[in-house]
């Protein structure tokens, strides 16, 4: 997920939280790394909750599940971030106080919602850039799902189950984010190109259905 920040392009400022500087922005600021670290900690809590009974019996399996969940979230957000920067916009990940609260509260209910933050993009991109930035996150998840699916075909035992889990998590995350709802990536991609949106949604949904059936 990403959100627009009405501000200058990346060449003019390193961050909308800091004073503008003429120098080239850092790959990651310390503030962004802090926000990403907290978000990853929150995301990692989900597989720990689900697999807590295996924590001492199968610690490597639990750690593998944590890594899969963390990678699915992190690479999705970095997909938005690096696509925005590639197109010339300032972009950084930031925690959302409301998102953090919703995420924590959802862990106490059967319905889990993991949305601790989003990538903020500076400026007002034209429709094409707007859609490409939105598509980058789900596209990264679809690519991960395909890689995990291929790995699950050539492995056995717990590795087979973990890679299968990785494919399911990433395909479902891509399909969920591509729903044409406000603030979702899908609505942004749909506004850009309904054909590309339909293709991406169909690819992720069919991949998920193939994996779970």
N, C-alpha and C. Protein backbone atom coordinates (compact mmCIF):
# COMPACT_ATOMS: atom_id res chain seq x y z
N UNK A 1 0.85 -1.19 0.00
CA UNK A 1 0.00 0.00 0.00
C UNK A 1 0.88 1.24 0.00
N UNK A 2 0.45 2.27 -0.71
CA UNK A 2 1.18 3.53 -0.65
C UNK A 2 0.21 4.69 -0.69
N UNK A 3 0.67 5.82 -0.21
CA UNK A 3 -0.16 7.01 -0.14
C UNK A 3 0.61 8.19 -0.72
N UNK A 4 -0.13 9.14 -1.27
CA UNK A 4 0.50 10.31 -1.85
C UNK A 4 0.74 11.36 -0.78
N UNK A 5 1.91 12.02 -0.90
CA UNK A 5 2.21 13.18 -0.08
C UNK A 5 2.35 14.36 -1.02
N UNK A 6 1.56 15.41 -0.81
CA UNK A 6 1.60 16.57 -1.69
C UNK A 6 2.86 17.38 -1.39
N UNK A 7 3.92 17.01 -2.07
CA UNK A 7 5.20 17.66 -1.81
C UNK A 7 6.10 17.59 -3.01
N UNK A 8 7.37 18.01 -2.87
CA UNK A 8 8.29 18.05 -4.00
C UNK A 8 8.78 16.68 -4.41
N UNK A 9 9.39 16.63 -5.58
CA UNK A 9 9.97 15.38 -6.05
C UNK A 9 11.25 15.06 -5.31
N UNK A 10 11.71 13.87 -5.54
CA UNK A 10 12.84 13.34 -4.78
C UNK A 10 14.12 14.17 -4.96
N UNK A 11 14.30 14.79 -6.13
CA UNK A 11 15.51 15.56 -6.35
C UNK A 11 15.58 16.80 -5.47
N UNK A 12 14.44 17.25 -4.96
CA UNK A 12 14.41 18.50 -4.22
C UNK A 12 14.50 18.33 -2.71
N UNK A 13 14.18 17.15 -2.21
CA UNK A 13 14.18 16.97 -0.77
C UNK A 13 14.42 15.51 -0.43
N UNK A 14 15.02 15.27 0.71
CA UNK A 14 15.26 13.89 1.13
C UNK A 14 14.06 13.33 1.86
N UNK A 15 13.31 14.17 2.55
CA UNK A 15 12.17 13.67 3.32
C UNK A 15 11.25 14.81 3.67
N UNK A 16 9.96 14.57 3.66
CA UNK A 16 9.04 15.63 4.04
C UNK A 16 8.98 15.82 5.54
N UNK A 17 9.72 14.99 6.29
CA UNK A 17 9.82 15.17 7.73
C UNK A 17 11.04 16.01 8.10
N UNK A 18 11.89 16.31 7.12
CA UNK A 18 13.13 17.01 7.38
C UNK A 18 13.24 18.23 6.48
N UNK A 19 14.20 19.09 6.81
CA UNK A 19 14.43 20.26 5.98
C UNK A 19 14.98 19.83 4.63
N UNK A 20 14.58 20.49 3.53
CA UNK A 20 15.08 20.13 2.21
C UNK A 20 16.59 20.29 2.11
N UNK A 21 17.24 19.40 1.39
CA UNK A 21 18.67 19.49 1.15
C UNK A 21 18.92 19.27 -0.32
N UNK A 22 19.94 19.90 -0.88
CA UNK A 22 20.21 19.75 -2.30
C UNK A 22 20.93 18.47 -2.65
N UNK A 23 21.42 17.74 -1.63
CA UNK A 23 22.20 16.55 -1.91
C UNK A 23 21.30 15.39 -2.31
N UNK A 24 21.93 14.37 -2.89
CA UNK A 24 21.18 13.19 -3.30
C UNK A 24 20.69 12.44 -2.06
N UNK A 25 19.42 12.00 -2.03
CA UNK A 25 18.89 11.34 -0.84
C UNK A 25 19.59 10.01 -0.57
N UNK A 26 19.61 9.63 0.71
CA UNK A 26 20.17 8.35 1.10
C UNK A 26 19.26 7.23 0.60
N UNK A 27 19.88 6.04 0.49
CA UNK A 27 19.08 4.88 0.12
C UNK A 27 18.00 4.64 1.17
N UNK A 28 18.40 4.65 2.45
CA UNK A 28 17.46 4.55 3.56
C UNK A 28 17.91 5.53 4.64
N UNK A 29 16.99 6.32 5.17
CA UNK A 29 17.30 7.17 6.30
C UNK A 29 17.15 6.36 7.59
N UNK A 30 17.78 6.83 8.66
CA UNK A 30 17.66 6.14 9.94
C UNK A 30 16.21 6.12 10.42
N UNK A 31 15.48 7.20 10.15
CA UNK A 31 14.09 7.25 10.56
C UNK A 31 13.26 6.20 9.82
N UNK A 32 13.52 6.06 8.52
CA UNK A 32 12.77 5.05 7.77
C UNK A 32 13.11 3.65 8.23
N UNK A 33 14.38 3.39 8.50
CA UNK A 33 14.78 2.07 8.99
C UNK A 33 14.11 1.75 10.33
N UNK A 34 13.97 2.77 11.16
CA UNK A 34 13.27 2.58 12.44
C UNK A 34 11.81 2.20 12.20
N UNK A 35 11.14 2.91 11.30
CA UNK A 35 9.74 2.62 10.99
C UNK A 35 9.59 1.22 10.39
N UNK A 36 10.50 0.85 9.49
CA UNK A 36 10.45 -0.48 8.89
C UNK A 36 10.68 -1.57 9.93
N UNK A 37 11.60 -1.33 10.86
CA UNK A 37 11.90 -2.33 11.89
C UNK A 37 10.69 -2.60 12.77
N UNK A 38 10.01 -1.52 13.18
CA UNK A 38 8.81 -1.69 14.02
C UNK A 38 7.72 -2.42 13.24
N UNK A 39 7.55 -2.05 11.96
CA UNK A 39 6.53 -2.71 11.13
C UNK A 39 6.82 -4.19 10.98
N UNK A 40 8.08 -4.53 10.74
CA UNK A 40 8.45 -5.94 10.58
C UNK A 40 8.23 -6.71 11.89
N UNK A 41 8.48 -6.06 13.01
CA UNK A 41 8.23 -6.71 14.30
C UNK A 41 6.75 -7.03 14.46
N UNK A 42 5.90 -6.08 14.08
CA UNK A 42 4.45 -6.29 14.17
C UNK A 42 3.99 -7.40 13.22
N UNK A 43 4.53 -7.39 12.01
CA UNK A 43 4.17 -8.42 11.03
C UNK A 43 4.61 -9.80 11.51
N UNK A 44 5.79 -9.87 12.13
CA UNK A 44 6.33 -11.15 12.58
C UNK A 44 5.52 -11.76 13.72
N UNK A 45 4.73 -10.94 14.40
CA UNK A 45 3.92 -11.45 15.50
C UNK A 45 2.83 -12.40 15.00
N UNK A 46 2.37 -12.21 13.76
CA UNK A 46 1.25 -13.02 13.26
C UNK A 46 1.61 -14.50 13.15
N UNK A 47 2.69 -14.86 12.44
CA UNK A 47 3.04 -16.30 12.40
C UNK A 47 3.42 -16.85 13.77
N UNK A 48 3.97 -16.00 14.65
CA UNK A 48 4.29 -16.48 16.00
C UNK A 48 3.01 -16.83 16.77
N UNK A 49 1.95 -16.04 16.55
CA UNK A 49 0.67 -16.35 17.19
C UNK A 49 0.08 -17.64 16.64
N UNK A 50 0.14 -17.80 15.33
CA UNK A 50 -0.43 -18.98 14.69
C UNK A 50 0.33 -20.26 15.03
N UNK A 51 1.65 -20.14 15.13
CA UNK A 51 2.48 -21.34 15.28
C UNK A 51 3.14 -21.42 16.65
N UNK A 52 2.56 -20.79 17.65
CA UNK A 52 3.19 -20.74 18.97
C UNK A 52 3.38 -22.12 19.58
N UNK A 53 2.51 -23.07 19.22
CA UNK A 53 2.64 -24.43 19.78
C UNK A 53 3.83 -25.17 19.19
N UNK A 54 4.31 -24.70 18.03
CA UNK A 54 5.46 -25.35 17.40
C UNK A 54 6.79 -24.65 17.73
N UNK A 55 6.71 -23.56 18.49
CA UNK A 55 7.89 -22.73 18.70
C UNK A 55 9.07 -23.51 19.26
N UNK A 56 8.81 -24.41 20.22
CA UNK A 56 9.89 -25.17 20.84
C UNK A 56 10.09 -26.54 20.21
N UNK A 57 9.05 -27.05 19.56
CA UNK A 57 9.18 -28.37 18.92
C UNK A 57 9.79 -28.25 17.52
N UNK A 58 9.42 -27.21 16.77
CA UNK A 58 9.92 -26.99 15.42
C UNK A 58 10.36 -25.53 15.25
N UNK A 59 11.41 -25.11 15.97
CA UNK A 59 11.80 -23.69 15.91
C UNK A 59 12.20 -23.22 14.52
N UNK A 60 12.83 -24.09 13.73
CA UNK A 60 13.24 -23.69 12.39
C UNK A 60 12.04 -23.45 11.48
N UNK A 61 10.99 -24.23 11.68
CA UNK A 61 9.77 -24.05 10.90
C UNK A 61 9.13 -22.71 11.23
N UNK A 62 9.06 -22.40 12.52
CA UNK A 62 8.48 -21.13 12.96
C UNK A 62 9.31 -19.96 12.43
N UNK A 63 10.62 -20.05 12.53
CA UNK A 63 11.49 -18.99 12.03
C UNK A 63 11.34 -18.83 10.52
N UNK A 64 11.17 -19.96 9.82
CA UNK A 64 10.95 -19.89 8.38
C UNK A 64 9.65 -19.18 8.04
N UNK A 65 8.60 -19.47 8.80
CA UNK A 65 7.31 -18.82 8.58
C UNK A 65 7.41 -17.32 8.86
N UNK A 66 8.12 -16.96 9.92
CA UNK A 66 8.32 -15.54 10.24
C UNK A 66 9.04 -14.84 9.10
N UNK A 67 10.09 -15.48 8.56
CA UNK A 67 10.85 -14.89 7.46
C UNK A 67 9.97 -14.72 6.21
N UNK A 68 9.11 -15.68 5.94
CA UNK A 68 8.22 -15.61 4.78
C UNK A 68 7.23 -14.45 4.91
N UNK A 69 6.61 -14.33 6.08
CA UNK A 69 5.67 -13.24 6.32
C UNK A 69 6.37 -11.89 6.23
N UNK A 70 7.54 -11.79 6.86
CA UNK A 70 8.28 -10.53 6.85
C UNK A 70 8.68 -10.14 5.43
N UNK A 71 9.15 -11.12 4.65
CA UNK A 71 9.57 -10.83 3.27
C UNK A 71 8.39 -10.42 2.41
N UNK A 72 7.24 -11.07 2.60
CA UNK A 72 6.05 -10.73 1.82
C UNK A 72 5.66 -9.28 2.04
N UNK A 73 5.66 -8.85 3.30
CA UNK A 73 5.31 -7.46 3.62
C UNK A 73 6.40 -6.49 3.16
N UNK A 74 7.65 -6.78 3.54
CA UNK A 74 8.74 -5.85 3.26
C UNK A 74 8.95 -5.64 1.77
N UNK A 75 9.01 -6.72 1.01
CA UNK A 75 9.27 -6.59 -0.43
C UNK A 75 8.09 -5.94 -1.16
N UNK A 76 6.88 -6.13 -0.66
CA UNK A 76 5.72 -5.44 -1.22
C UNK A 76 5.90 -3.92 -1.08
N UNK A 77 6.24 -3.48 0.13
CA UNK A 77 6.41 -2.05 0.37
C UNK A 77 7.61 -1.49 -0.39
N UNK A 78 8.69 -2.25 -0.44
CA UNK A 78 9.86 -1.79 -1.18
C UNK A 78 9.59 -1.74 -2.67
N UNK A 79 8.69 -2.60 -3.15
CA UNK A 79 8.30 -2.52 -4.56
C UNK A 79 7.71 -1.17 -4.88
N UNK A 80 6.77 -0.70 -4.04
CA UNK A 80 6.21 0.64 -4.21
C UNK A 80 7.31 1.70 -4.15
N UNK A 81 8.14 1.55 -3.13
CA UNK A 81 9.16 2.57 -2.85
C UNK A 81 10.15 2.73 -3.99
N UNK A 82 10.71 1.61 -4.45
CA UNK A 82 11.74 1.70 -5.48
C UNK A 82 11.16 2.06 -6.84
N UNK A 83 9.92 1.67 -7.13
CA UNK A 83 9.30 2.10 -8.37
C UNK A 83 9.08 3.61 -8.35
N UNK A 84 8.62 4.14 -7.22
CA UNK A 84 8.42 5.58 -7.12
C UNK A 84 9.75 6.33 -7.29
N UNK A 85 10.79 5.83 -6.66
CA UNK A 85 12.10 6.48 -6.78
C UNK A 85 12.66 6.35 -8.20
N UNK A 86 12.40 5.23 -8.80
CA UNK A 86 12.86 5.04 -10.18
C UNK A 86 12.20 6.05 -11.12
N UNK A 87 10.95 6.41 -10.81
CA UNK A 87 10.22 7.38 -11.63
C UNK A 87 10.52 8.82 -11.23
N UNK A 88 11.33 8.99 -10.18
CA UNK A 88 11.78 10.34 -9.82
C UNK A 88 11.08 10.99 -8.67
N UNK A 89 10.39 10.23 -7.83
CA UNK A 89 9.65 10.80 -6.72
C UNK A 89 10.29 10.45 -5.38
N UNK A 90 10.15 11.36 -4.43
CA UNK A 90 10.55 11.02 -3.07
C UNK A 90 9.59 9.95 -2.56
N UNK A 91 10.12 8.94 -1.88
CA UNK A 91 9.27 7.87 -1.35
C UNK A 91 9.95 7.24 -0.14
N UNK A 92 9.22 7.13 0.95
CA UNK A 92 9.73 6.47 2.15
C UNK A 92 8.58 5.79 2.89
N UNK A 93 8.93 4.73 3.61
CA UNK A 93 7.93 4.02 4.41
C UNK A 93 7.76 4.74 5.74
N UNK A 94 6.50 4.85 6.17
CA UNK A 94 6.20 5.42 7.47
C UNK A 94 5.11 4.61 8.17
N UNK A 95 5.26 4.43 9.47
CA UNK A 95 4.23 3.80 10.26
C UNK A 95 3.00 4.70 10.32
N UNK A 96 1.86 4.07 10.45
CA UNK A 96 0.60 4.79 10.66
C UNK A 96 0.12 4.48 12.07
N UNK A 97 -0.03 5.49 12.95
CA UNK A 97 -0.49 5.21 14.31
C UNK A 97 -1.80 4.43 14.33
N UNK A 98 -2.74 4.81 13.48
CA UNK A 98 -4.01 4.10 13.41
C UNK A 98 -3.81 2.68 12.89
N UNK A 99 -2.93 2.54 11.88
CA UNK A 99 -2.64 1.21 11.33
C UNK A 99 -2.00 0.30 12.35
N UNK A 100 -1.08 0.83 13.15
CA UNK A 100 -0.45 0.04 14.21
C UNK A 100 -1.48 -0.40 15.23
N UNK A 101 -2.38 0.51 15.62
CA UNK A 101 -3.41 0.18 16.60
C UNK A 101 -4.36 -0.89 16.07
N UNK A 102 -4.79 -0.73 14.81
CA UNK A 102 -5.69 -1.72 14.21
C UNK A 102 -5.02 -3.08 14.12
N UNK A 103 -3.74 -3.08 13.73
CA UNK A 103 -3.00 -4.34 13.64
C UNK A 103 -2.93 -5.04 14.98
N UNK A 104 -2.58 -4.31 16.04
CA UNK A 104 -2.46 -4.90 17.37
C UNK A 104 -3.81 -5.40 17.88
N UNK A 105 -4.86 -4.61 17.69
CA UNK A 105 -6.18 -5.02 18.16
C UNK A 105 -6.69 -6.25 17.39
N UNK A 106 -6.37 -6.31 16.10
CA UNK A 106 -6.85 -7.44 15.30
C UNK A 106 -6.22 -8.75 15.74
N UNK A 107 -5.03 -8.69 16.35
CA UNK A 107 -4.38 -9.91 16.82
C UNK A 107 -5.15 -10.54 17.98
N UNK A 108 -6.08 -9.78 18.57
CA UNK A 108 -6.90 -10.29 19.67
C UNK A 108 -8.22 -10.87 19.16
N UNK A 109 -8.45 -10.79 17.84
CA UNK A 109 -9.70 -11.26 17.24
C UNK A 109 -9.40 -12.33 16.18
N UNK A 110 -10.40 -13.07 15.76
CA UNK A 110 -10.18 -14.07 14.70
C UNK A 110 -9.76 -13.44 13.36
N UNK A 111 -10.22 -12.22 13.10
CA UNK A 111 -9.89 -11.54 11.84
C UNK A 111 -8.61 -10.74 12.02
N UNK A 112 -7.57 -11.14 11.31
CA UNK A 112 -6.27 -10.47 11.43
C UNK A 112 -6.10 -9.44 10.31
N UNK A 113 -5.79 -8.20 10.69
CA UNK A 113 -5.54 -7.12 9.73
C UNK A 113 -4.13 -6.60 9.98
N UNK A 114 -3.26 -6.77 8.99
CA UNK A 114 -1.86 -6.35 9.14
C UNK A 114 -1.63 -5.16 8.21
N UNK A 115 -1.68 -3.97 8.79
CA UNK A 115 -1.48 -2.74 8.01
C UNK A 115 -0.81 -1.69 8.88
N UNK A 116 0.42 -1.94 9.33
CA UNK A 116 1.06 -1.01 10.26
C UNK A 116 1.54 0.30 9.63
N UNK A 117 1.62 0.36 8.32
CA UNK A 117 2.11 1.57 7.68
C UNK A 117 2.02 1.49 6.17
N UNK A 118 2.62 2.46 5.51
CA UNK A 118 2.56 2.52 4.05
C UNK A 118 3.74 3.33 3.53
N UNK A 119 3.98 3.22 2.24
CA UNK A 119 4.99 4.04 1.58
C UNK A 119 4.34 5.35 1.16
N UNK A 120 4.92 6.44 1.59
CA UNK A 120 4.44 7.76 1.20
C UNK A 120 5.25 8.26 0.01
N UNK A 121 4.55 8.77 -0.99
CA UNK A 121 5.18 9.22 -2.23
C UNK A 121 4.93 10.71 -2.40
N UNK A 122 5.99 11.47 -2.64
CA UNK A 122 5.88 12.92 -2.78
C UNK A 122 5.42 13.33 -4.16
N UNK A 123 4.73 14.47 -4.22
CA UNK A 123 4.30 15.01 -5.50
C UNK A 123 2.94 14.51 -5.92
N UNK A 124 2.54 14.88 -7.12
CA UNK A 124 1.28 14.45 -7.71
C UNK A 124 1.59 13.75 -9.03
N UNK A 125 1.85 12.44 -8.98
CA UNK A 125 2.23 11.71 -10.20
C UNK A 125 1.10 11.72 -11.22
N UNK A 126 1.43 11.75 -12.51
CA UNK A 126 0.39 11.54 -13.53
C UNK A 126 -0.18 10.14 -13.41
N UNK A 127 -1.29 9.91 -14.09
CA UNK A 127 -2.03 8.66 -13.93
C UNK A 127 -1.17 7.43 -14.19
N UNK A 128 -0.30 7.50 -15.21
CA UNK A 128 0.53 6.35 -15.54
C UNK A 128 1.50 6.01 -14.42
N UNK A 129 2.18 7.03 -13.86
CA UNK A 129 3.10 6.80 -12.76
C UNK A 129 2.34 6.31 -11.53
N UNK A 130 1.20 6.91 -11.29
CA UNK A 130 0.34 6.54 -10.16
C UNK A 130 0.01 5.05 -10.19
N UNK A 131 -0.37 4.57 -11.37
CA UNK A 131 -0.72 3.16 -11.51
C UNK A 131 0.47 2.24 -11.43
N UNK A 132 1.59 2.64 -12.02
CA UNK A 132 2.79 1.79 -11.98
C UNK A 132 3.32 1.62 -10.56
N UNK A 133 3.31 2.70 -9.79
CA UNK A 133 3.75 2.62 -8.40
C UNK A 133 2.85 1.68 -7.61
N UNK A 134 1.55 1.78 -7.84
CA UNK A 134 0.59 0.91 -7.14
C UNK A 134 0.77 -0.56 -7.53
N UNK A 135 1.02 -0.81 -8.81
CA UNK A 135 1.13 -2.18 -9.30
C UNK A 135 2.41 -2.86 -8.80
N UNK A 136 3.44 -2.08 -8.53
CA UNK A 136 4.74 -2.66 -8.18
C UNK A 136 4.67 -3.55 -6.94
N UNK A 137 3.90 -3.15 -5.93
CA UNK A 137 3.82 -3.96 -4.71
C UNK A 137 3.21 -5.33 -4.95
N UNK A 138 1.98 -5.41 -5.50
CA UNK A 138 1.40 -6.73 -5.79
C UNK A 138 2.22 -7.54 -6.79
N UNK A 139 2.87 -6.87 -7.75
CA UNK A 139 3.68 -7.60 -8.73
C UNK A 139 4.83 -8.32 -8.05
N UNK A 140 5.43 -7.70 -7.04
CA UNK A 140 6.51 -8.34 -6.28
C UNK A 140 5.97 -9.56 -5.56
N UNK A 141 4.77 -9.47 -5.00
CA UNK A 141 4.18 -10.63 -4.31
C UNK A 141 3.86 -11.77 -5.28
N UNK A 142 3.38 -11.44 -6.48
CA UNK A 142 3.11 -12.47 -7.47
C UNK A 142 4.40 -13.18 -7.86
N UNK A 143 5.48 -12.41 -8.03
CA UNK A 143 6.78 -13.00 -8.37
C UNK A 143 7.26 -13.91 -7.25
N UNK A 144 7.11 -13.48 -6.00
CA UNK A 144 7.50 -14.33 -4.87
C UNK A 144 6.68 -15.61 -4.83
N UNK A 145 5.37 -15.49 -5.08
CA UNK A 145 4.50 -16.66 -5.06
C UNK A 145 4.94 -17.69 -6.10
N UNK A 146 5.29 -17.23 -7.28
CA UNK A 146 5.75 -18.14 -8.33
C UNK A 146 7.06 -18.82 -7.95
N UNK A 147 7.96 -18.07 -7.34
CA UNK A 147 9.25 -18.65 -6.92
C UNK A 147 9.02 -19.71 -5.83
N UNK A 148 8.20 -19.37 -4.84
CA UNK A 148 7.91 -20.33 -3.77
C UNK A 148 7.21 -21.57 -4.32
N UNK A 149 6.31 -21.38 -5.26
CA UNK A 149 5.59 -22.52 -5.82
C UNK A 149 6.56 -23.46 -6.54
N UNK A 150 7.50 -22.87 -7.28
CA UNK A 150 8.50 -23.68 -7.97
C UNK A 150 9.38 -24.44 -6.97
N UNK A 151 9.78 -23.75 -5.90
CA UNK A 151 10.62 -24.40 -4.89
C UNK A 151 9.88 -25.52 -4.17
N UNK A 152 8.58 -25.33 -3.97
CA UNK A 152 7.80 -26.37 -3.27
C UNK A 152 7.70 -27.65 -4.10
N UNK A 153 7.85 -27.52 -5.43
CA UNK A 153 7.77 -28.69 -6.30
C UNK A 153 9.03 -29.55 -6.25
N UNK A 154 10.13 -28.98 -5.80
CA UNK A 154 11.41 -29.72 -5.82
C UNK A 154 11.93 -30.01 -4.41
N UNK A 155 11.09 -29.77 -3.40
CA UNK A 155 11.49 -30.04 -2.02
C UNK A 155 10.44 -30.93 -1.35
N UNK A 156 10.79 -31.44 -0.22
CA UNK A 156 9.86 -32.28 0.53
C UNK A 156 9.85 -31.89 2.00
N UNK A 157 9.02 -32.57 2.78
CA UNK A 157 8.97 -32.35 4.22
C UNK A 157 8.53 -30.94 4.58
N UNK A 158 9.19 -30.39 5.62
CA UNK A 158 8.83 -29.07 6.10
C UNK A 158 9.17 -27.96 5.11
N UNK A 159 10.22 -28.16 4.33
CA UNK A 159 10.55 -27.15 3.32
C UNK A 159 9.43 -27.04 2.29
N UNK A 160 8.88 -28.18 1.90
CA UNK A 160 7.77 -28.19 0.95
C UNK A 160 6.58 -27.41 1.53
N UNK A 161 6.28 -27.63 2.81
CA UNK A 161 5.17 -26.94 3.44
C UNK A 161 5.44 -25.44 3.57
N UNK A 162 6.68 -25.08 3.93
CA UNK A 162 7.02 -23.67 4.08
C UNK A 162 6.96 -22.93 2.75
N UNK A 163 7.50 -23.54 1.70
CA UNK A 163 7.47 -22.89 0.39
C UNK A 163 6.03 -22.80 -0.11
N UNK A 164 5.23 -23.83 0.18
CA UNK A 164 3.82 -23.76 -0.19
C UNK A 164 3.11 -22.64 0.56
N UNK A 165 3.43 -22.47 1.84
CA UNK A 165 2.88 -21.39 2.63
C UNK A 165 3.28 -20.04 2.05
N UNK A 166 4.55 -19.93 1.64
CA UNK A 166 5.02 -18.68 1.04
C UNK A 166 4.26 -18.33 -0.23
N UNK A 167 3.96 -19.33 -1.04
CA UNK A 167 3.21 -19.09 -2.27
C UNK A 167 1.79 -18.65 -1.96
N UNK A 168 1.16 -19.27 -0.96
CA UNK A 168 -0.21 -18.91 -0.60
C UNK A 168 -0.27 -17.51 -0.01
N UNK A 169 0.65 -17.20 0.90
CA UNK A 169 0.65 -15.89 1.54
C UNK A 169 0.84 -14.78 0.52
N UNK A 170 1.78 -14.95 -0.39
CA UNK A 170 2.07 -13.90 -1.36
C UNK A 170 0.97 -13.74 -2.41
N UNK A 171 0.41 -14.85 -2.87
CA UNK A 171 -0.67 -14.74 -3.86
C UNK A 171 -1.92 -14.12 -3.24
N UNK A 172 -2.22 -14.47 -1.98
CA UNK A 172 -3.38 -13.88 -1.31
C UNK A 172 -3.16 -12.41 -1.01
N UNK A 173 -1.93 -12.04 -0.63
CA UNK A 173 -1.63 -10.64 -0.36
C UNK A 173 -1.76 -9.80 -1.63
N UNK A 174 -1.29 -10.34 -2.75
CA UNK A 174 -1.40 -9.63 -4.02
C UNK A 174 -2.86 -9.45 -4.41
N UNK A 175 -3.64 -10.53 -4.33
CA UNK A 175 -5.06 -10.45 -4.70
C UNK A 175 -5.82 -9.50 -3.80
N UNK A 176 -5.54 -9.54 -2.50
CA UNK A 176 -6.22 -8.66 -1.55
C UNK A 176 -5.93 -7.20 -1.84
N UNK A 177 -4.66 -6.89 -2.09
CA UNK A 177 -4.29 -5.50 -2.35
C UNK A 177 -4.80 -5.00 -3.70
N UNK A 178 -5.12 -5.90 -4.61
CA UNK A 178 -5.60 -5.51 -5.93
C UNK A 178 -7.12 -5.34 -5.97
N UNK A 179 -7.80 -5.55 -4.86
CA UNK A 179 -9.24 -5.28 -4.82
C UNK A 179 -9.46 -3.80 -5.10
N UNK A 180 -10.47 -3.46 -5.91
CA UNK A 180 -10.69 -2.06 -6.30
C UNK A 180 -11.41 -1.26 -5.23
N UNK A 181 -10.80 -1.18 -4.06
CA UNK A 181 -11.38 -0.44 -2.93
C UNK A 181 -10.56 0.81 -2.66
N UNK A 182 -11.16 1.85 -2.10
CA UNK A 182 -10.41 3.08 -1.79
C UNK A 182 -9.20 2.78 -0.92
N UNK A 183 -8.09 3.44 -1.22
CA UNK A 183 -6.82 3.29 -0.52
C UNK A 183 -6.08 2.00 -0.87
N UNK A 184 -6.74 1.06 -1.55
CA UNK A 184 -6.06 -0.16 -1.95
C UNK A 184 -5.29 0.08 -3.26
N UNK A 185 -4.27 -0.75 -3.49
CA UNK A 185 -3.51 -0.64 -4.73
C UNK A 185 -4.39 -0.87 -5.95
N UNK A 186 -5.38 -1.75 -5.81
CA UNK A 186 -6.24 -2.09 -6.94
C UNK A 186 -6.97 -0.89 -7.51
N UNK A 187 -7.45 0.00 -6.65
CA UNK A 187 -8.18 1.17 -7.15
C UNK A 187 -7.27 2.09 -7.95
N UNK A 188 -6.01 2.18 -7.55
CA UNK A 188 -5.05 3.04 -8.27
C UNK A 188 -4.70 2.43 -9.62
N UNK A 189 -4.48 1.11 -9.64
CA UNK A 189 -4.17 0.44 -10.90
C UNK A 189 -5.37 0.50 -11.84
N UNK A 190 -6.56 0.31 -11.32
CA UNK A 190 -7.77 0.35 -12.13
C UNK A 190 -7.98 1.73 -12.76
N UNK A 191 -7.69 2.78 -12.02
CA UNK A 191 -7.81 4.13 -12.57
C UNK A 191 -6.84 4.37 -13.71
N UNK A 192 -5.73 3.65 -13.69
CA UNK A 192 -4.71 3.78 -14.74
C UNK A 192 -5.08 2.94 -15.96
N UNK A 193 -5.33 1.64 -15.74
CA UNK A 193 -5.62 0.73 -16.85
C UNK A 193 -6.45 -0.45 -16.33
N UNK A 194 -7.70 -0.55 -16.79
CA UNK A 194 -8.53 -1.65 -16.32
C UNK A 194 -8.03 -2.99 -16.84
N UNK A 195 -7.38 -2.99 -18.01
CA UNK A 195 -6.87 -4.23 -18.56
C UNK A 195 -5.72 -4.78 -17.71
N UNK A 196 -4.79 -3.91 -17.35
CA UNK A 196 -3.66 -4.34 -16.52
C UNK A 196 -4.15 -4.74 -15.14
N UNK A 197 -5.11 -3.99 -14.59
CA UNK A 197 -5.67 -4.35 -13.28
C UNK A 197 -6.32 -5.73 -13.33
N UNK A 198 -7.13 -5.98 -14.36
CA UNK A 198 -7.82 -7.26 -14.46
C UNK A 198 -6.84 -8.40 -14.63
N UNK A 199 -5.80 -8.19 -15.42
CA UNK A 199 -4.79 -9.22 -15.64
C UNK A 199 -4.06 -9.54 -14.34
N UNK A 200 -3.66 -8.51 -13.59
CA UNK A 200 -2.94 -8.72 -12.34
C UNK A 200 -3.82 -9.39 -11.29
N UNK A 201 -5.07 -8.94 -11.18
CA UNK A 201 -5.98 -9.54 -10.21
C UNK A 201 -6.28 -10.99 -10.56
N UNK A 202 -6.52 -11.25 -11.83
CA UNK A 202 -6.80 -12.63 -12.26
C UNK A 202 -5.61 -13.54 -12.01
N UNK A 203 -4.40 -13.04 -12.31
CA UNK A 203 -3.19 -13.85 -12.11
C UNK A 203 -3.01 -14.22 -10.64
N UNK A 204 -3.17 -13.24 -9.75
CA UNK A 204 -2.98 -13.51 -8.32
C UNK A 204 -4.10 -14.38 -7.76
N UNK A 205 -5.35 -14.12 -8.17
CA UNK A 205 -6.48 -14.89 -7.67
C UNK A 205 -6.43 -16.34 -8.17
N UNK A 206 -6.14 -16.53 -9.44
CA UNK A 206 -6.05 -17.89 -9.97
C UNK A 206 -4.89 -18.67 -9.36
N UNK A 207 -3.78 -17.96 -9.12
CA UNK A 207 -2.65 -18.61 -8.48
C UNK A 207 -3.01 -19.06 -7.06
N UNK A 208 -3.72 -18.20 -6.34
CA UNK A 208 -4.14 -18.56 -4.98
C UNK A 208 -5.10 -19.75 -5.01
N UNK A 209 -6.08 -19.70 -5.91
CA UNK A 209 -7.05 -20.79 -6.00
C UNK A 209 -6.36 -22.11 -6.35
N UNK A 210 -5.40 -22.05 -7.28
CA UNK A 210 -4.65 -23.25 -7.65
C UNK A 210 -3.89 -23.83 -6.46
N UNK A 211 -3.39 -22.96 -5.61
CA UNK A 211 -2.57 -23.42 -4.49
C UNK A 211 -3.42 -24.02 -3.36
N UNK A 212 -4.60 -23.49 -3.14
CA UNK A 212 -5.38 -23.95 -1.99
C UNK A 212 -6.33 -25.10 -2.34
N UNK A 213 -6.59 -25.33 -3.62
CA UNK A 213 -7.49 -26.42 -4.01
C UNK A 213 -6.72 -27.71 -4.26
